[in-house]
């Protein structure tokens, strides 16, 4: 019965039976029960994606700092070379 192989068309009229079997024998109940696991998986996946987004944003910030450092290092090297050339030619 938990596999959803028994399907009842229409509503379960007795409250005691409805409470006990609706999730196993009605189309709506079967879908809701089986979808619960998928909804949980979807929620977990979205949470993981949020963590990945945060981590990648931090990584992009670090990369931007390295690029800035690289540009500054290149600028300093260029200026040192200019000073060295000007100092030798005087």
C-alpha atoms as a PDB file:
ATOM      1  CA  UNK A   1       0.000   0.000   0.000  1.00  0.00           C
ATOM      2  CA  UNK A   2       2.883   2.421   0.651  1.00  0.00           C
ATOM      3  CA  UNK A   3       3.955   2.053  -3.003  1.00  0.00           C
ATOM      4  CA  UNK A   4       0.719   3.700  -4.165  1.00  0.00           C
ATOM      5  CA  UNK A   5      -0.574   0.627  -6.017  1.00  0.00           C
ATOM      6  CA  UNK A   6      -4.030   0.833  -4.459  1.00  0.00           C
ATOM      7  CA  UNK A   7      -5.864   3.963  -5.551  1.00  0.00           C
ATOM      8  CA  UNK A   8      -9.284   5.033  -4.381  1.00  0.00           C
ATOM      9  CA  UNK A   9     -11.245   7.354  -6.644  1.00  0.00           C
ATOM     10  CA  UNK A  10     -13.286   9.919  -4.760  1.00  0.00           C
ATOM     11  CA  UNK A  11     -13.110  10.924  -1.132  1.00  0.00           C
ATOM     12  CA  UNK A  12     -12.764   8.634   1.870  1.00  0.00           C
ATOM     13  CA  UNK A  13     -15.981   9.270   3.762  1.00  0.00           C
ATOM     14  CA  UNK A  14     -15.331   7.778   7.200  1.00  0.00           C
ATOM     15  CA  UNK A  15     -13.159  10.075   9.311  1.00  0.00           C
ATOM     16  CA  UNK A  16     -11.369   7.167  10.998  1.00  0.00           C
ATOM     17  CA  UNK A  17     -10.454   5.614   7.648  1.00  0.00           C
ATOM     18  CA  UNK A  18      -9.620   8.972   6.112  1.00  0.00           C
ATOM     19  CA  UNK A  19      -7.126   9.793   8.860  1.00  0.00           C
ATOM     20  CA  UNK A  20      -5.512   6.382   8.629  1.00  0.00           C
ATOM     21  CA  UNK A  21      -5.456   5.665   4.874  1.00  0.00           C
ATOM     22  CA  UNK A  22      -5.958   8.865   2.863  1.00  0.00           C
ATOM     23  CA  UNK A  23      -2.215   9.388   2.323  1.00  0.00           C
ATOM     24  CA  UNK A  24      -1.980   5.834   0.941  1.00  0.00           C
ATOM     25  CA  UNK A  25      -5.069   5.361  -1.238  1.00  0.00           C
ATOM     26  CA  UNK A  26      -6.146   8.723  -2.702  1.00  0.00           C
ATOM     27  CA  UNK A  27      -4.318  10.263  -5.626  1.00  0.00           C
ATOM     28  CA  UNK A  28      -3.869  13.530  -3.728  1.00  0.00           C
ATOM     29  CA  UNK A  29      -2.595  11.732  -0.638  1.00  0.00           C
ATOM     30  CA  UNK A  30      -0.138   9.587  -2.592  1.00  0.00           C
ATOM     31  CA  UNK A  31       1.206  12.602  -4.476  1.00  0.00           C
ATOM     32  CA  UNK A  32       1.582  14.652  -1.289  1.00  0.00           C
ATOM     33  CA  UNK A  33       3.333  11.816   0.535  1.00  0.00           C
ATOM     34  CA  UNK A  34       5.741  11.066  -2.306  1.00  0.00           C
ATOM     35  CA  UNK A  35       6.395  14.751  -3.007  1.00  0.00           C
ATOM     36  CA  UNK A  36       7.453  15.364   0.606  1.00  0.00           C
ATOM     37  CA  UNK A  37      10.814  13.665   0.014  1.00  0.00           C
ATOM     38  CA  UNK A  38      11.356  15.666  -3.177  1.00  0.00           C
ATOM     39  CA  UNK A  39      10.449  18.917  -1.449  1.00  0.00           C
ATOM     40  CA  UNK A  40      12.935  18.132   1.299  1.00  0.00           C
ATOM     41  CA  UNK A  41      15.619  17.410  -1.286  1.00  0.00           C
ATOM     42  CA  UNK A  42      14.782  20.638  -3.132  1.00  0.00           C
ATOM     43  CA  UNK A  43      15.061  22.645   0.103  1.00  0.00           C
ATOM     44  CA  UNK A  44      18.407  21.032   0.918  1.00  0.00           C
ATOM     45  CA  UNK A  45      19.684  21.724  -2.611  1.00  0.00           C
ATOM     46  CA  UNK A  46      18.664  25.376  -2.399  1.00  0.00           C
ATOM     47  CA  UNK A  47      20.464  25.744   0.940  1.00  0.00           C
ATOM     48  CA  UNK A  48      23.615  24.208  -0.549  1.00  0.00           C
ATOM     49  CA  UNK A  49      23.351  26.545  -3.531  1.00  0.00           C
ATOM     50  CA  UNK A  50      23.105  29.549  -1.200  1.00  0.00           C
ATOM     51  CA  UNK A  51      26.273  28.429   0.610  1.00  0.00           C
ATOM     52  CA  UNK A  52      28.050  27.982  -2.729  1.00  0.00           C
ATOM     53  CA  UNK A  53      26.960  31.484  -3.781  1.00  0.00           C
ATOM     54  CA  UNK A  54      28.372  32.961  -0.560  1.00  0.00           C
ATOM     55  CA  UNK A  55      31.618  31.030  -0.919  1.00  0.00           C
ATOM     56  CA  UNK A  56      32.044  32.008  -4.564  1.00  0.00           C
ATOM     57  CA  UNK A  57      31.378  35.685  -3.753  1.00  0.00           C
ATOM     58  CA  UNK A  58      34.141  35.547  -1.148  1.00  0.00           C
ATOM     59  CA  UNK A  59      36.450  33.843  -3.649  1.00  0.00           C
ATOM     60  CA  UNK A  60      35.711  36.542  -6.245  1.00  0.00           C
ATOM     61  CA  UNK A  61      36.590  39.231  -3.684  1.00  0.00           C
ATOM     62  CA  UNK A  62      39.894  37.527  -2.920  1.00  0.00           C
ATOM     63  CA  UNK A  63      40.629  37.172  -6.634  1.00  0.00           C
ATOM     64  CA  UNK A  64      39.910  40.881  -7.166  1.00  0.00           C
ATOM     65  CA  UNK A  65      42.375  41.721  -4.387  1.00  0.00           C
ATOM     66  CA  UNK A  66      45.064  39.574  -6.031  1.00  0.00           C
ATOM     67  CA  UNK A  67      44.399  41.250  -9.382  1.00  0.00           C
ATOM     68  CA  UNK A  68      44.723  44.649  -7.715  1.00  0.00           C
ATOM     69  CA  UNK A  69      47.959  43.566  -6.043  1.00  0.00           C
ATOM     70  CA  UNK A  70      49.275  42.272  -9.373  1.00  0.00           C
ATOM     71  CA  UNK A  71      48.466  45.592 -11.073  1.00  0.00           C
ATOM     72  CA  UNK A  72      50.149  47.541  -8.258  1.00  0.00           C
ATOM     73  CA  UNK A  73      53.218  45.289  -8.412  1.00  0.00           C
ATOM     74  CA  UNK A  74      53.470  45.787 -12.170  1.00  0.00           C
ATOM     75  CA  UNK A  75      53.146  49.543 -11.744  1.00  0.00           C
ATOM     76  CA  UNK A  76      55.866  49.646  -9.103  1.00  0.00           C
ATOM     77  CA  UNK A  77      58.177  47.500 -11.234  1.00  0.00           C
ATOM     78  CA  UNK A  78      57.619  49.759 -14.229  1.00  0.00           C
ATOM     79  CA  UNK A  79      58.311  52.899 -12.179  1.00  0.00           C
ATOM     80  CA  UNK A  80      61.434  51.361 -10.648  1.00  0.00           C
ATOM     81  CA  UNK A  81      62.687  50.515 -14.125  1.00  0.00           C
ATOM     82  CA  UNK A  82      62.044  54.108 -15.256  1.00  0.00           C
ATOM     83  CA  UNK A  83      63.883  55.523 -12.254  1.00  0.00           C
ATOM     84  CA  UNK A  84      66.774  53.147 -12.824  1.00  0.00           C
ATOM     85  CA  UNK A  85      67.010  54.122 -16.513  1.00  0.00           C
ATOM     86  CA  UNK A  86      66.817  57.833 -15.736  1.00  0.00           C
ATOM     87  CA  UNK A  87      69.392  57.521 -12.979  1.00  0.00           C
ATOM     88  CA  UNK A  88      71.884  55.772 -15.260  1.00  0.00           C
ATOM     89  CA  UNK A  89      71.529  58.194 -18.121  1.00  0.00           C
ATOM     90  CA  UNK A  90      72.288  61.267 -15.977  1.00  0.00           C
END
